[in-house]
Every structure is written in structure tokens, then in C-alpha cells.
Amino acid sequence: MRVLSRVFRGKFVAGLKRRFRQRQLTFAGSLQPLANEAAFRSFLRPLFRQNWVVYAKPPFGGPQHVLGYLACYTHRVAITNHRLVAFDQDQVTFRWKDYANGNKKRMMTLSAQEFLRRFLLHVLPRGFVRIRSFGFLANRHRAKLLPHCQRLLLDNPKPHALALTHSALAQPACFRCPKCATPMLIVERLSAWTVSQLTIRSPTLDSS
């Protein structure tokens, strides 16, 4: 990370210099004096004496890890049941993690009203959603485009094998065998979802 911070610092400052030469930077308000080249250079000079902070972590191990990571933010409630310890005489006791002191687990007791107030802070206002779809699943297009996609799937029957062979021979082939130069015929199309299901069912299957 130490090396990466220096590389990122150099590339970022170099990008600022390039944008300045191309007159693509806008200096408004108190930053207007930086429009002068000498002032801009004096502004950039101290940046190289600062240690820039970067963060890097290993990539996810696959789609299951990505879904598990995102699910914590999209389907998680404000507090899980196993953290609730007791409810006694209008007092709620629960566990919490003190990140400022080595992630130590501590206990906290609040009145029921204060506990509900903090819990409701995590409830999204009306009209806000955690997951937003796009494309044909977007809210403004879904009612029109989703039935259209379903009709297209139903109105696309598989051609007969003989007709497929004749049409393939009549049209120029997209791919040819590297050994005999014979036109390659499309036998079946696999979607990304189908491949993922095959990989899950057969872990030893080479997904490449």
C-alpha cells in the first residue's frame, strides 16, 4: 500500500497538471488565484510532501462472495435478534461492538422509546428504496418492457434441425474449424445464468 500511495499521488498530480495545461480546470470563488500558473504550481508542490492514504484488499472469491457482501447492506435490519439480550420494565438491553477499542463486545441498556427511536432511524423514507433496477426492470419501463420481453421469448420457437442446417449452409459462417475449415454450426446458446447453474451443480466443471 505504501508503494501504491506514491504511485497514485504521482498520477493524480500529473493528471491535474495535464488538465491545467488543457484549460479544463475551473477555479471559482476563493480558488480563482490558482488560475495563475505560478500560483497553481506552488499549490501542487506541498502535495508531494504529504503521505497519501490508499486502501487495498484482495478481490472477491466469486459471485457468491459478492452476493453475500451486498446482501449485508440490502437485506440487513438495523439490529439482529441475537444481539437483543433482555427486555425488563421498559428497558432494552443489547450487545454492541466498540470499534474504537479493539472491536470489544459491550452491553447497552436503553429505554424502549429511545431504542425505537434509534431503530427507526434506519427505516428509509417513503419513496426511497435499497435496490434500484435499471434497463427493462426499471420502474418507469418495467410495466411496458417486461411483458414485451416475455412475448419475444414465447414467439421465438426453435427451428427444425434440417432447416437449421440448410440456413447455416446458405449463409456465410461466422466461425470455421481451425483444423478442417468446416463451418461451425450453433447447436445451443447458453446464457450466463445457465452457465452459473451448471457450475454450481458441477463444481469441477471448467467454467472458462
C-alpha atoms as a PDB file:
ATOM      1  CA  MET A   1       0.000   0.000   0.000  1.00  0.00           C
ATOM      2  CA  ARG A   2       2.920   2.352   0.666  1.00  0.00           C
ATOM      3  CA  VAL A   3       4.144   1.996  -2.899  1.00  0.00           C
ATOM      4  CA  LEU A   4       0.612   2.269  -4.258  1.00  0.00           C
ATOM      5  CA  SER A   5       0.038   5.520  -2.362  1.00  0.00           C
ATOM      6  CA  ARG A   6       3.094   7.091  -4.008  1.00  0.00           C
ATOM      7  CA  VAL A   7       2.083   5.888  -7.457  1.00  0.00           C
ATOM      8  CA  PHE A   8      -1.469   7.171  -7.033  1.00  0.00           C
ATOM      9  CA  ARG A   9      -0.164  10.508  -5.735  1.00  0.00           C
ATOM     10  CA  GLY A  10       2.101  10.935  -8.758  1.00  0.00           C
ATOM     11  CA  LYS A  11      -0.570  10.007 -11.279  1.00  0.00           C
ATOM     12  CA  PHE A  12      -3.190  12.215  -9.623  1.00  0.00           C
ATOM     13  CA  VAL A  13      -0.937  15.281  -9.559  1.00  0.00           C
ATOM     14  CA  ALA A  14       0.197  14.590 -13.127  1.00  0.00           C
ATOM     15  CA  GLY A  15      -3.457  14.481 -14.168  1.00  0.00           C
ATOM     16  CA  LEU A  16      -4.067  17.844 -12.508  1.00  0.00           C
ATOM     17  CA  LYS A  17      -1.139  19.378 -14.380  1.00  0.00           C
ATOM     18  CA  ARG A  18      -2.389  17.971 -17.680  1.00  0.00           C
ATOM     19  CA  ARG A  19      -5.907  19.301 -17.107  1.00  0.00           C
ATOM     20  CA  PHE A  20      -4.472  22.697 -16.201  1.00  0.00           C
ATOM     21  CA  ARG A  21      -2.451  22.879 -19.415  1.00  0.00           C
ATOM     22  CA  GLN A  22      -5.546  21.911 -21.401  1.00  0.00           C
ATOM     23  CA  ARG A  23      -7.565  24.600 -19.581  1.00  0.00           C
ATOM     24  CA  GLN A  24     -10.066  22.049 -18.324  1.00  0.00           C
ATOM     25  CA  LEU A  25      -9.976  23.137 -14.663  1.00  0.00           C
ATOM     26  CA  THR A  26     -12.432  25.700 -13.322  1.00  0.00           C
ATOM     27  CA  PHE A  27     -11.408  27.862 -10.358  1.00  0.00           C
ATOM     28  CA  ALA A  28     -14.345  29.569  -8.677  1.00  0.00           C
ATOM     29  CA  GLY A  29     -14.704  31.626  -5.529  1.00  0.00           C
ATOM     30  CA  SER A  30     -11.636  31.616  -3.290  1.00  0.00           C
ATOM     31  CA  LEU A  31      -9.810  29.346  -5.771  1.00  0.00           C
ATOM     32  CA  GLN A  32      -9.651  31.972  -8.536  1.00  0.00           C
ATOM     33  CA  PRO A  33      -5.984  32.902  -7.801  1.00  0.00           C
ATOM     34  CA  LEU A  34      -4.997  29.338  -8.738  1.00  0.00           C
ATOM     35  CA  ALA A  35      -5.806  30.155 -12.361  1.00  0.00           C
ATOM     36  CA  ASN A  36      -2.344  31.736 -12.453  1.00  0.00           C
ATOM     37  CA  GLU A  37       0.251  29.158 -13.488  1.00  0.00           C
ATOM     38  CA  ALA A  38       2.793  30.153 -10.832  1.00  0.00           C
ATOM     39  CA  ALA A  39       0.179  30.015  -8.076  1.00  0.00           C
ATOM     40  CA  PHE A  40      -1.044  26.636  -9.313  1.00  0.00           C
ATOM     41  CA  ARG A  41       2.492  25.191  -9.271  1.00  0.00           C
ATOM     42  CA  SER A  42       3.075  26.464  -5.729  1.00  0.00           C
ATOM     43  CA  PHE A  43      -0.220  24.852  -4.733  1.00  0.00           C
ATOM     44  CA  LEU A  44       0.837  21.459  -6.126  1.00  0.00           C
ATOM     45  CA  ARG A  45       4.346  21.491  -4.632  1.00  0.00           C
ATOM     46  CA  PRO A  46       3.333  20.650  -0.997  1.00  0.00           C
ATOM     47  CA  LEU A  47       1.213  17.711  -2.186  1.00  0.00           C
ATOM     48  CA  PHE A  48       4.364  15.669  -2.758  1.00  0.00           C
ATOM     49  CA  ARG A  49       5.396  16.145   0.864  1.00  0.00           C
ATOM     50  CA  GLN A  50       2.166  14.597   2.145  1.00  0.00           C
ATOM     51  CA  ASN A  51       1.654  10.868   2.636  1.00  0.00           C
ATOM     52  CA  TRP A  52      -1.431   9.899   0.693  1.00  0.00           C
ATOM     53  CA  VAL A  53      -3.624   7.209   2.204  1.00  0.00           C
ATOM     54  CA  VAL A  54      -4.887   4.374  -0.004  1.00  0.00           C
ATOM     55  CA  TYR A  55      -6.677   1.155   0.840  1.00  0.00           C
ATOM     56  CA  ALA A  56      -6.459  -2.127  -0.998  1.00  0.00           C
ATOM     57  CA  LYS A  57      -7.879  -5.548  -0.256  1.00  0.00           C
ATOM     58  CA  PRO A  58      -7.944  -8.897  -2.074  1.00  0.00           C
ATOM     59  CA  PRO A  59     -10.706  -9.301  -4.693  1.00  0.00           C
ATOM     60  CA  PHE A  60     -13.828 -11.298  -4.000  1.00  0.00           C
ATOM     61  CA  GLY A  61     -13.596 -15.044  -4.410  1.00  0.00           C
ATOM     62  CA  GLY A  62     -16.504 -15.263  -6.827  1.00  0.00           C
ATOM     63  CA  PRO A  63     -20.141 -14.259  -7.398  1.00  0.00           C
ATOM     64  CA  GLN A  64     -21.291 -15.934  -4.178  1.00  0.00           C
ATOM     65  CA  HIS A  65     -18.949 -13.747  -2.133  1.00  0.00           C
ATOM     66  CA  VAL A  66     -20.210 -10.639  -3.946  1.00  0.00           C
ATOM     67  CA  LEU A  67     -23.843 -11.534  -3.215  1.00  0.00           C
ATOM     68  CA  GLY A  68     -23.007 -12.277   0.420  1.00  0.00           C
ATOM     69  CA  TYR A  69     -21.269  -8.924   0.763  1.00  0.00           C
ATOM     70  CA  LEU A  70     -24.059  -6.905  -0.864  1.00  0.00           C
ATOM     71  CA  ALA A  71     -26.798  -8.767   0.994  1.00  0.00           C
ATOM     72  CA  CYS A  72     -25.475  -7.361   4.273  1.00  0.00           C
ATOM     73  CA  TYR A  73     -26.413  -3.894   3.038  1.00  0.00           C
ATOM     74  CA  THR A  74     -29.627  -4.613   1.142  1.00  0.00           C
ATOM     75  CA  HIS A  75     -31.396  -7.173   3.352  1.00  0.00           C
ATOM     76  CA  ARG A  76     -29.967  -6.461   6.797  1.00  0.00           C
ATOM     77  CA  VAL A  77     -32.143  -4.916   9.513  1.00  0.00           C
ATOM     78  CA  ALA A  78     -30.903  -2.315  11.968  1.00  0.00           C
ATOM     79  CA  ILE A  79     -30.214  -4.916  14.690  1.00  0.00           C
ATOM     80  CA  THR A  80     -30.344  -8.710  14.604  1.00  0.00           C
ATOM     81  CA  ASN A  81     -32.266 -10.805  17.104  1.00  0.00           C
ATOM     82  CA  HIS A  82     -29.198 -12.464  18.624  1.00  0.00           C
ATOM     83  CA  ARG A  83     -27.935  -9.064  19.799  1.00  0.00           C
ATOM     84  CA  LEU A  84     -31.055  -8.474  21.902  1.00  0.00           C
ATOM     85  CA  VAL A  85     -30.319  -9.634  25.452  1.00  0.00           C
ATOM     86  CA  ALA A  86     -33.234  -8.584  27.657  1.00  0.00           C
ATOM     87  CA  PHE A  87     -36.391  -6.507  27.897  1.00  0.00           C
ATOM     88  CA  ASP A  88     -37.234  -5.676  31.503  1.00  0.00           C
ATOM     89  CA  GLN A  89     -39.535  -2.920  32.797  1.00  0.00           C
ATOM     90  CA  ASP A  90     -39.389  -0.713  29.708  1.00  0.00           C
ATOM     91  CA  GLN A  91     -35.616  -1.215  29.395  1.00  0.00           C
ATOM     92  CA  VAL A  92     -33.978  -2.883  26.375  1.00  0.00           C
ATOM     93  CA  THR A  93     -30.519  -4.416  26.749  1.00  0.00           C
ATOM     94  CA  PHE A  94     -28.488  -5.387  23.675  1.00  0.00           C
ATOM     95  CA  ARG A  95     -24.927  -6.121  22.594  1.00  0.00           C
ATOM     96  CA  TRP A  96     -22.850  -3.714  20.544  1.00  0.00           C
ATOM     97  CA  LYS A  97     -19.310  -3.693  19.193  1.00  0.00           C
ATOM     98  CA  ASP A  98     -16.922  -0.961  20.313  1.00  0.00           C
ATOM     99  CA  TYR A  99     -14.850  -0.330  17.188  1.00  0.00           C
ATOM    100  CA  ALA A 100     -12.827   2.375  18.923  1.00  0.00           C
ATOM    101  CA  ASN A 101     -11.442  -0.122  21.460  1.00  0.00           C
ATOM    102  CA  GLY A 102     -10.412  -3.197  19.519  1.00  0.00           C
ATOM    103  CA  ASN A 103     -13.920  -4.318  18.491  1.00  0.00           C
ATOM    104  CA  LYS A 104     -14.764  -5.319  22.057  1.00  0.00           C
ATOM    105  CA  LYS A 105     -18.319  -6.515  22.631  1.00  0.00           C
ATOM    106  CA  ARG A 106     -20.191  -4.450  25.199  1.00  0.00           C
ATOM    107  CA  MET A 107     -23.696  -4.208  26.636  1.00  0.00           C
ATOM    108  CA  MET A 108     -26.006  -1.191  26.457  1.00  0.00           C
ATOM    109  CA  THR A 109     -29.371  -0.579  28.114  1.00  0.00           C
ATOM    110  CA  LEU A 110     -31.834   1.972  26.747  1.00  0.00           C
ATOM    111  CA  SER A 111     -35.425   2.865  27.381  1.00  0.00           C
ATOM    112  CA  ALA A 112     -37.912   1.335  24.961  1.00  0.00           C
ATOM    113  CA  GLN A 113     -38.706   4.759  23.492  1.00  0.00           C
ATOM    114  CA  GLU A 114     -35.041   5.569  22.839  1.00  0.00           C
ATOM    115  CA  PHE A 115     -34.428   2.101  21.402  1.00  0.00           C
ATOM    116  CA  LEU A 116     -37.332   2.507  18.972  1.00  0.00           C
ATOM    117  CA  ARG A 117     -36.150   5.998  18.024  1.00  0.00           C
ATOM    118  CA  ARG A 118     -32.699   4.688  17.092  1.00  0.00           C
ATOM    119  CA  PHE A 119     -34.181   1.711  15.274  1.00  0.00           C
ATOM    120  CA  LEU A 120     -36.485   3.895  13.157  1.00  0.00           C
ATOM    121  CA  LEU A 121     -33.519   5.993  12.042  1.00  0.00           C
ATOM    122  CA  HIS A 122     -32.647   3.039   9.791  1.00  0.00           C
ATOM    123  CA  VAL A 123     -36.076   2.979   8.112  1.00  0.00           C
ATOM    124  CA  LEU A 124     -35.915   4.607   4.692  1.00  0.00           C
ATOM    125  CA  PRO A 125     -38.303   7.492   3.982  1.00  0.00           C
ATOM    126  CA  ARG A 126     -41.249   6.935   1.672  1.00  0.00           C
ATOM    127  CA  GLY A 127     -40.131   6.721  -1.943  1.00  0.00           C
ATOM    128  CA  PHE A 128     -36.574   5.576  -1.142  1.00  0.00           C
ATOM    129  CA  VAL A 129     -35.518   2.002  -1.904  1.00  0.00           C
ATOM    130  CA  ARG A 130     -32.388  -0.008  -1.121  1.00  0.00           C
ATOM    131  CA  ILE A 131     -32.186  -1.712  -4.518  1.00  0.00           C
ATOM    132  CA  ARG A 132     -32.728   0.151  -7.788  1.00  0.00           C
ATOM    133  CA  SER A 133     -33.201  -1.737 -11.032  1.00  0.00           C
ATOM    134  CA  PHE A 134     -32.266  -0.390 -14.450  1.00  0.00           C
ATOM    135  CA  GLY A 135     -32.922  -1.261 -18.069  1.00  0.00           C
ATOM    136  CA  PHE A 136     -36.115  -3.178 -18.754  1.00  0.00           C
ATOM    137  CA  LEU A 137     -36.507  -3.794 -14.996  1.00  0.00           C
ATOM    138  CA  ALA A 138     -36.510  -0.089 -14.099  1.00  0.00           C
ATOM    139  CA  ASN A 139     -39.730   1.140 -12.506  1.00  0.00           C
ATOM    140  CA  ARG A 140     -40.563   3.560 -15.317  1.00  0.00           C
ATOM    141  CA  HIS A 141     -40.082   0.909 -18.045  1.00  0.00           C
ATOM    142  CA  ARG A 142     -40.942  -2.379 -16.337  1.00  0.00           C
ATOM    143  CA  ALA A 143     -44.695  -2.328 -16.924  1.00  0.00           C
ATOM    144  CA  LYS A 144     -44.178  -1.873 -20.681  1.00  0.00           C
ATOM    145  CA  LEU A 145     -40.943  -3.679 -21.494  1.00  0.00           C
ATOM    146  CA  LEU A 146     -41.176  -6.760 -19.265  1.00  0.00           C
ATOM    147  CA  PRO A 147     -44.341  -8.144 -20.961  1.00  0.00           C
ATOM    148  CA  HIS A 148     -42.733  -7.305 -24.313  1.00  0.00           C
ATOM    149  CA  CYS A 149     -39.649  -9.375 -23.425  1.00  0.00           C
ATOM    150  CA  GLN A 150     -41.862 -12.257 -22.322  1.00  0.00           C
ATOM    151  CA  ARG A 151     -43.742 -12.175 -25.643  1.00  0.00           C
ATOM    152  CA  LEU A 152     -40.481 -12.203 -27.587  1.00  0.00           C
ATOM    153  CA  LEU A 153     -39.322 -15.263 -25.676  1.00  0.00           C
ATOM    154  CA  LEU A 154     -42.570 -17.098 -26.410  1.00  0.00           C
ATOM    155  CA  ASP A 155     -42.616 -16.082 -30.103  1.00  0.00           C
ATOM    156  CA  ASN A 156     -39.130 -17.459 -30.798  1.00  0.00           C
ATOM    157  CA  PRO A 157     -39.596 -21.225 -31.386  1.00  0.00           C
ATOM    158  CA  LYS A 158     -36.563 -23.397 -32.071  1.00  0.00           C
ATOM    159  CA  PRO A 159     -36.187 -24.146 -35.817  1.00  0.00           C
ATOM    160  CA  HIS A 160     -36.148 -27.674 -37.114  1.00  0.00           C
ATOM    161  CA  ALA A 161     -32.714 -29.283 -37.267  1.00  0.00           C
ATOM    162  CA  LEU A 162     -32.917 -29.730 -41.077  1.00  0.00           C
ATOM    163  CA  ALA A 163     -33.938 -26.108 -41.608  1.00  0.00           C
ATOM    164  CA  LEU A 164     -31.125 -25.001 -39.322  1.00  0.00           C
ATOM    165  CA  THR A 165     -28.616 -26.954 -41.394  1.00  0.00           C
ATOM    166  CA  HIS A 166     -29.861 -25.521 -44.710  1.00  0.00           C
ATOM    167  CA  SER A 167     -29.904 -21.958 -43.390  1.00  0.00           C
ATOM    168  CA  ALA A 168     -26.414 -22.350 -41.978  1.00  0.00           C
ATOM    169  CA  LEU A 169     -25.079 -23.621 -45.306  1.00  0.00           C
ATOM    170  CA  ALA A 170     -26.842 -20.873 -47.232  1.00  0.00           C
ATOM    171  CA  GLN A 171     -25.377 -18.097 -45.129  1.00  0.00           C
ATOM    172  CA  PRO A 172     -21.674 -17.401 -44.646  1.00  0.00           C
ATOM    173  CA  ALA A 173     -20.410 -18.958 -41.428  1.00  0.00           C
ATOM    174  CA  CYS A 174     -19.193 -16.705 -38.631  1.00  0.00           C
ATOM    175  CA  PHE A 175     -16.693 -19.294 -37.392  1.00  0.00           C
ATOM    176  CA  ARG A 176     -14.766 -22.066 -39.107  1.00  0.00           C
ATOM    177  CA  CYS A 177     -12.966 -25.041 -37.641  1.00  0.00           C
ATOM    178  CA  PRO A 178      -9.229 -24.250 -37.362  1.00  0.00           C
ATOM    179  CA  LYS A 179      -8.400 -27.814 -38.465  1.00  0.00           C
ATOM    180  CA  CYS A 180     -10.619 -28.527 -41.478  1.00  0.00           C
ATOM    181  CA  ALA A 181     -12.150 -25.069 -42.166  1.00  0.00           C
ATOM    182  CA  THR A 182     -15.662 -26.553 -41.961  1.00  0.00           C
ATOM    183  CA  PRO A 183     -18.354 -24.029 -40.993  1.00  0.00           C
ATOM    184  CA  MET A 184     -19.242 -24.380 -37.339  1.00  0.00           C
ATOM    185  CA  LEU A 185     -22.959 -24.661 -36.569  1.00  0.00           C
ATOM    186  CA  ILE A 186     -24.641 -23.255 -33.477  1.00  0.00           C
ATOM    187  CA  VAL A 187     -26.136 -26.198 -31.588  1.00  0.00           C
ATOM    188  CA  GLU A 188     -27.238 -24.431 -28.405  1.00  0.00           C
ATOM    189  CA  ARG A 189     -26.942 -20.994 -26.831  1.00  0.00           C
ATOM    190  CA  LEU A 190     -26.105 -20.828 -23.123  1.00  0.00           C
ATOM    191  CA  SER A 191     -26.972 -17.776 -21.067  1.00  0.00           C
ATOM    192  CA  ALA A 192     -24.837 -16.548 -18.184  1.00  0.00           C
ATOM    193  CA  TRP A 193     -27.457 -17.833 -15.733  1.00  0.00           C
ATOM    194  CA  THR A 194     -27.393 -21.328 -17.294  1.00  0.00           C
ATOM    195  CA  VAL A 195     -23.603 -21.471 -17.084  1.00  0.00           C
ATOM    196  CA  SER A 196     -23.683 -20.381 -13.442  1.00  0.00           C
ATOM    197  CA  GLN A 197     -26.207 -23.109 -12.625  1.00  0.00           C
ATOM    198  CA  LEU A 198     -24.061 -25.738 -14.341  1.00  0.00           C
ATOM    199  CA  THR A 199     -21.036 -24.530 -12.401  1.00  0.00           C
ATOM    200  CA  ILE A 200     -22.906 -24.707  -9.094  1.00  0.00           C
ATOM    201  CA  ARG A 201     -24.173 -28.229  -9.800  1.00  0.00           C
ATOM    202  CA  SER A 202     -20.772 -29.433 -11.049  1.00  0.00           C
ATOM    203  CA  PRO A 203     -18.019 -27.670  -9.067  1.00  0.00           C
ATOM    204  CA  THR A 204     -15.336 -29.489 -11.055  1.00  0.00           C
ATOM    205  CA  LEU A 205     -16.669 -28.157 -14.349  1.00  0.00           C
ATOM    206  CA  ASP A 206     -14.225 -25.812 -16.016  1.00  0.00           C
ATOM    207  CA  SER A 207     -16.180 -22.532 -16.267  1.00  0.00           C
ATOM    208  CA  SER A 208     -13.607 -20.893 -18.544  1.00  0.00           C
END
